[in-house]
Amino acid sequence: MEPARHIIKSAEAKAESLGWVIAAVVMAITIVGLPWARAAFSIAAYTLLPFGYKAVPRDEYFGREDVGTGPLGVIGNIVWLLLAGWWLALGHLVTAILLALTIVGIPFAWAHLKLAGLALWPIGKAIVPVQNAPLR
C-alpha cells in the first residue's frame, strides 16, 4: 500500500507542476507575460517539493520593495488571477480535497491548500527554505 501512495502522489505532483509550466509557457510566449512566467516556473518547482520551503512576501524577505511588491505587482496579480490563477487554484483545491480523504494524504492536502492560495496571488512572493523564512 505504501508504494502505491508514493506513485499516486508523484503523479499528482507532476500533473500540478505541469499546469504551472503550461501557464508559464503561455505567459512567456506573450512577452508581456514574462514576469508571470518567472513566478509560475518557480512555483512549478515548489509544487514538486513543497516540504521544507515556504512562500513569503519578497519585501519582507529581502527587506526592500521592488516592482512586484508595489502597485504594479497588485495589477499583475489581478491579471494573473483572471488569466491563470483561478484554474490553478481550483486544481490544487480539488487535489487537496481528494488527498484529505485518506489519513496519509492529509499533509499533502495541507500543502496543496497553501499552493492554492499562492496560485491566486503569486507576484511579489519568494520561495525560500523554511529556516530562512521571516517569522510572522
C-alpha atoms as a PDB file:
ATOM      1  CA  MET A   1       0.000   0.000   0.000  1.00  0.00           C
ATOM      2  CA  GLU A   2       2.854   2.406   0.838  1.00  0.00           C
ATOM      3  CA  PRO A   3       4.495   2.306  -2.653  1.00  0.00           C
ATOM      4  CA  ALA A   4       1.111   2.962  -4.270  1.00  0.00           C
ATOM      5  CA  ARG A   5       0.679   6.142  -2.217  1.00  0.00           C
ATOM      6  CA  HIS A   6       4.066   7.448  -3.393  1.00  0.00           C
ATOM      7  CA  ILE A   7       3.252   6.658  -7.016  1.00  0.00           C
ATOM      8  CA  ILE A   8      -0.092   8.473  -6.753  1.00  0.00           C
ATOM      9  CA  LYS A   9       1.485  11.464  -5.001  1.00  0.00           C
ATOM     10  CA  SER A  10       4.273  11.603  -7.568  1.00  0.00           C
ATOM     11  CA  ALA A  11       1.815  11.530 -10.491  1.00  0.00           C
ATOM     12  CA  GLU A  12      -0.384  14.165  -8.851  1.00  0.00           C
ATOM     13  CA  ALA A  13       2.574  16.471  -8.158  1.00  0.00           C
ATOM     14  CA  LYS A  14       3.808  16.130 -11.725  1.00  0.00           C
ATOM     15  CA  ALA A  15       0.331  16.953 -13.084  1.00  0.00           C
ATOM     16  CA  GLU A  16       0.014  20.063 -10.891  1.00  0.00           C
ATOM     17  CA  SER A  17       3.543  21.140 -11.774  1.00  0.00           C
ATOM     18  CA  LEU A  18       2.786  20.639 -15.457  1.00  0.00           C
ATOM     19  CA  GLY A  19      -0.176  23.010 -15.085  1.00  0.00           C
ATOM     20  CA  TRP A  20       2.182  25.665 -13.709  1.00  0.00           C
ATOM     21  CA  VAL A  21       4.678  25.073 -16.534  1.00  0.00           C
ATOM     22  CA  ILE A  22       1.939  25.369 -19.170  1.00  0.00           C
ATOM     23  CA  ALA A  23       0.778  28.644 -17.616  1.00  0.00           C
ATOM     24  CA  ALA A  24       4.381  29.901 -17.576  1.00  0.00           C
ATOM     25  CA  VAL A  25       4.992  28.993 -21.217  1.00  0.00           C
ATOM     26  CA  VAL A  26       1.758  30.659 -22.342  1.00  0.00           C
ATOM     27  CA  MET A  27       2.677  33.800 -20.423  1.00  0.00           C
ATOM     28  CA  ALA A  28       6.254  33.772 -21.787  1.00  0.00           C
ATOM     29  CA  ILE A  29       5.044  33.476 -25.378  1.00  0.00           C
ATOM     30  CA  THR A  30       3.174  36.755 -24.993  1.00  0.00           C
ATOM     31  CA  ILE A  31       6.431  38.545 -23.987  1.00  0.00           C
ATOM     32  CA  VAL A  32       4.314  40.902 -21.859  1.00  0.00           C
ATOM     33  CA  GLY A  33       3.726  37.971 -19.522  1.00  0.00           C
ATOM     34  CA  LEU A  34       7.402  37.359 -18.703  1.00  0.00           C
ATOM     35  CA  PRO A  35       7.073  38.490 -15.051  1.00  0.00           C
ATOM     36  CA  TRP A  36       4.237  35.995 -14.583  1.00  0.00           C
ATOM     37  CA  ALA A  37       6.238  33.273 -16.326  1.00  0.00           C
ATOM     38  CA  ARG A  38       9.109  33.697 -13.865  1.00  0.00           C
ATOM     39  CA  ALA A  39       6.750  33.334 -10.906  1.00  0.00           C
ATOM     40  CA  ALA A  40       4.998  30.340 -12.459  1.00  0.00           C
ATOM     41  CA  PHE A  41       8.256  28.480 -13.151  1.00  0.00           C
ATOM     42  CA  SER A  42       9.436  28.921  -9.559  1.00  0.00           C
ATOM     43  CA  ILE A  43       6.066  27.747  -8.217  1.00  0.00           C
ATOM     44  CA  ALA A  44       6.175  24.724 -10.557  1.00  0.00           C
ATOM     45  CA  ALA A  45       9.384  23.644  -8.824  1.00  0.00           C
ATOM     46  CA  TYR A  46       7.813  24.392  -5.421  1.00  0.00           C
ATOM     47  CA  THR A  47       4.840  22.183  -6.353  1.00  0.00           C
ATOM     48  CA  LEU A  48       7.138  19.200  -6.847  1.00  0.00           C
ATOM     49  CA  LEU A  49       8.933  19.682  -3.489  1.00  0.00           C
ATOM     50  CA  PRO A  50       6.649  21.696  -1.169  1.00  0.00           C
ATOM     51  CA  PHE A  51       8.038  20.486   2.159  1.00  0.00           C
ATOM     52  CA  GLY A  52      10.865  22.457   3.727  1.00  0.00           C
ATOM     53  CA  TYR A  53      10.057  25.587   1.718  1.00  0.00           C
ATOM     54  CA  LYS A  54       7.694  28.484   2.239  1.00  0.00           C
ATOM     55  CA  ALA A  55       6.277  31.264   0.070  1.00  0.00           C
ATOM     56  CA  VAL A  56       6.908  34.640   1.706  1.00  0.00           C
ATOM     57  CA  PRO A  57       6.479  38.244   0.544  1.00  0.00           C
ATOM     58  CA  ARG A  58       9.670  39.366  -1.189  1.00  0.00           C
ATOM     59  CA  ASP A  59       9.724  42.749   0.520  1.00  0.00           C
ATOM     60  CA  GLU A  60       9.730  41.055   3.951  1.00  0.00           C
ATOM     61  CA  TYR A  61      12.406  38.565   2.946  1.00  0.00           C
ATOM     62  CA  PHE A  62      14.787  40.922   1.149  1.00  0.00           C
ATOM     63  CA  GLY A  63      13.972  43.998   3.242  1.00  0.00           C
ATOM     64  CA  ARG A  64      13.195  46.244   0.281  1.00  0.00           C
ATOM     65  CA  GLU A  65      10.366  46.822  -2.145  1.00  0.00           C
ATOM     66  CA  ASP A  66      10.606  46.053  -5.835  1.00  0.00           C
ATOM     67  CA  VAL A  67       8.322  46.245  -8.854  1.00  0.00           C
ATOM     68  CA  GLY A  68       6.466  43.053  -7.915  1.00  0.00           C
ATOM     69  CA  THR A  69       5.715  44.134  -4.349  1.00  0.00           C
ATOM     70  CA  GLY A  70       4.257  47.555  -5.178  1.00  0.00           C
ATOM     71  CA  PRO A  71       1.194  48.772  -7.115  1.00  0.00           C
ATOM     72  CA  LEU A  72       2.379  47.139 -10.347  1.00  0.00           C
ATOM     73  CA  GLY A  73       2.534  43.827  -8.500  1.00  0.00           C
ATOM     74  CA  VAL A  74      -1.094  44.227  -7.455  1.00  0.00           C
ATOM     75  CA  ILE A  75      -2.112  44.907 -11.059  1.00  0.00           C
ATOM     76  CA  GLY A  76      -0.034  41.922 -12.171  1.00  0.00           C
ATOM     77  CA  ASN A  77      -1.708  39.696  -9.611  1.00  0.00           C
ATOM     78  CA  ILE A  78      -5.172  40.788 -10.761  1.00  0.00           C
ATOM     79  CA  VAL A  79      -4.283  39.966 -14.374  1.00  0.00           C
ATOM     80  CA  TRP A  80      -2.795  36.637 -13.221  1.00  0.00           C
ATOM     81  CA  LEU A  81      -5.909  35.813 -11.204  1.00  0.00           C
ATOM     82  CA  LEU A  82      -8.152  36.379 -14.209  1.00  0.00           C
ATOM     83  CA  LEU A  83      -5.987  34.551 -16.762  1.00  0.00           C
ATOM     84  CA  ALA A  84      -4.453  31.606 -14.925  1.00  0.00           C
ATOM     85  CA  GLY A  85      -4.703  31.838 -11.143  1.00  0.00           C
ATOM     86  CA  TRP A  86      -8.268  30.685 -10.669  1.00  0.00           C
ATOM     87  CA  TRP A  87      -7.897  27.407 -12.600  1.00  0.00           C
ATOM     88  CA  LEU A  88      -4.559  26.571 -10.984  1.00  0.00           C
ATOM     89  CA  ALA A  89      -6.047  27.283  -7.542  1.00  0.00           C
ATOM     90  CA  LEU A  90      -9.071  25.141  -8.402  1.00  0.00           C
ATOM     91  CA  GLY A  91      -6.783  22.260  -9.413  1.00  0.00           C
ATOM     92  CA  HIS A  92      -4.899  22.498  -6.108  1.00  0.00           C
ATOM     93  CA  LEU A  93      -8.176  22.702  -4.172  1.00  0.00           C
ATOM     94  CA  VAL A  94      -9.619  19.596  -5.843  1.00  0.00           C
ATOM     95  CA  THR A  95      -6.344  17.746  -5.284  1.00  0.00           C
ATOM     96  CA  ALA A  96      -6.330  18.797  -1.614  1.00  0.00           C
ATOM     97  CA  ILE A  97      -9.870  17.506  -1.112  1.00  0.00           C
ATOM     98  CA  LEU A  98      -9.036  14.154  -2.710  1.00  0.00           C
ATOM     99  CA  LEU A  99      -5.827  13.780  -0.699  1.00  0.00           C
ATOM    100  CA  ALA A 100      -7.593  14.701   2.551  1.00  0.00           C
ATOM    101  CA  LEU A 101      -9.875  11.678   2.144  1.00  0.00           C
ATOM    102  CA  THR A 102      -7.003   9.481   3.314  1.00  0.00           C
ATOM    103  CA  ILE A 103      -5.077   9.815   6.561  1.00  0.00           C
ATOM    104  CA  VAL A 104      -1.695   9.612   4.843  1.00  0.00           C
ATOM    105  CA  GLY A 105      -2.736  12.274   2.327  1.00  0.00           C
ATOM    106  CA  ILE A 106      -3.534  14.988   4.917  1.00  0.00           C
ATOM    107  CA  PRO A 107      -0.029  16.573   4.945  1.00  0.00           C
ATOM    108  CA  PHE A 108      -0.087  16.707   1.156  1.00  0.00           C
ATOM    109  CA  ALA A 109      -3.605  18.155   1.232  1.00  0.00           C
ATOM    110  CA  TRP A 110      -2.395  20.926   3.548  1.00  0.00           C
ATOM    111  CA  ALA A 111       0.493  21.648   1.146  1.00  0.00           C
ATOM    112  CA  HIS A 112      -1.967  21.925  -1.752  1.00  0.00           C
ATOM    113  CA  LEU A 113      -4.182  24.320   0.189  1.00  0.00           C
ATOM    114  CA  LYS A 114      -1.143  26.573   0.649  1.00  0.00           C
ATOM    115  CA  LEU A 115      -0.357  26.223  -3.054  1.00  0.00           C
ATOM    116  CA  ALA A 116      -3.963  27.146  -3.938  1.00  0.00           C
ATOM    117  CA  GLY A 117      -3.591  30.414  -2.042  1.00  0.00           C
ATOM    118  CA  LEU A 118      -0.284  31.071  -3.768  1.00  0.00           C
ATOM    119  CA  ALA A 119      -1.873  30.300  -7.147  1.00  0.00           C
ATOM    120  CA  LEU A 120      -4.307  33.174  -6.669  1.00  0.00           C
ATOM    121  CA  TRP A 121      -1.698  35.861  -5.854  1.00  0.00           C
ATOM    122  CA  PRO A 122       1.882  34.771  -6.799  1.00  0.00           C
ATOM    123  CA  ILE A 123       3.553  38.031  -7.857  1.00  0.00           C
ATOM    124  CA  GLY A 124       5.730  39.511  -5.136  1.00  0.00           C
ATOM    125  CA  LYS A 125       6.399  36.185  -3.423  1.00  0.00           C
ATOM    126  CA  ALA A 126       9.673  34.320  -2.979  1.00  0.00           C
ATOM    127  CA  ILE A 127      10.040  30.586  -2.340  1.00  0.00           C
ATOM    128  CA  VAL A 128      12.585  30.210   0.469  1.00  0.00           C
ATOM    129  CA  PRO A 129      13.751  27.434   2.806  1.00  0.00           C
ATOM    130  CA  VAL A 130      11.657  27.378   5.981  1.00  0.00           C
ATOM    131  CA  GLN A 131      14.676  28.046   8.194  1.00  0.00           C
ATOM    132  CA  ASN A 132      15.360  31.297   6.250  1.00  0.00           C
ATOM    133  CA  ALA A 133      11.721  32.469   6.219  1.00  0.00           C
ATOM    134  CA  PRO A 134      10.920  35.563   8.287  1.00  0.00           C
ATOM    135  CA  LEU A 135       8.811  34.920  11.367  1.00  0.00           C
ATOM    136  CA  ARG A 136       5.326  36.384  11.364  1.00  0.00           C
END
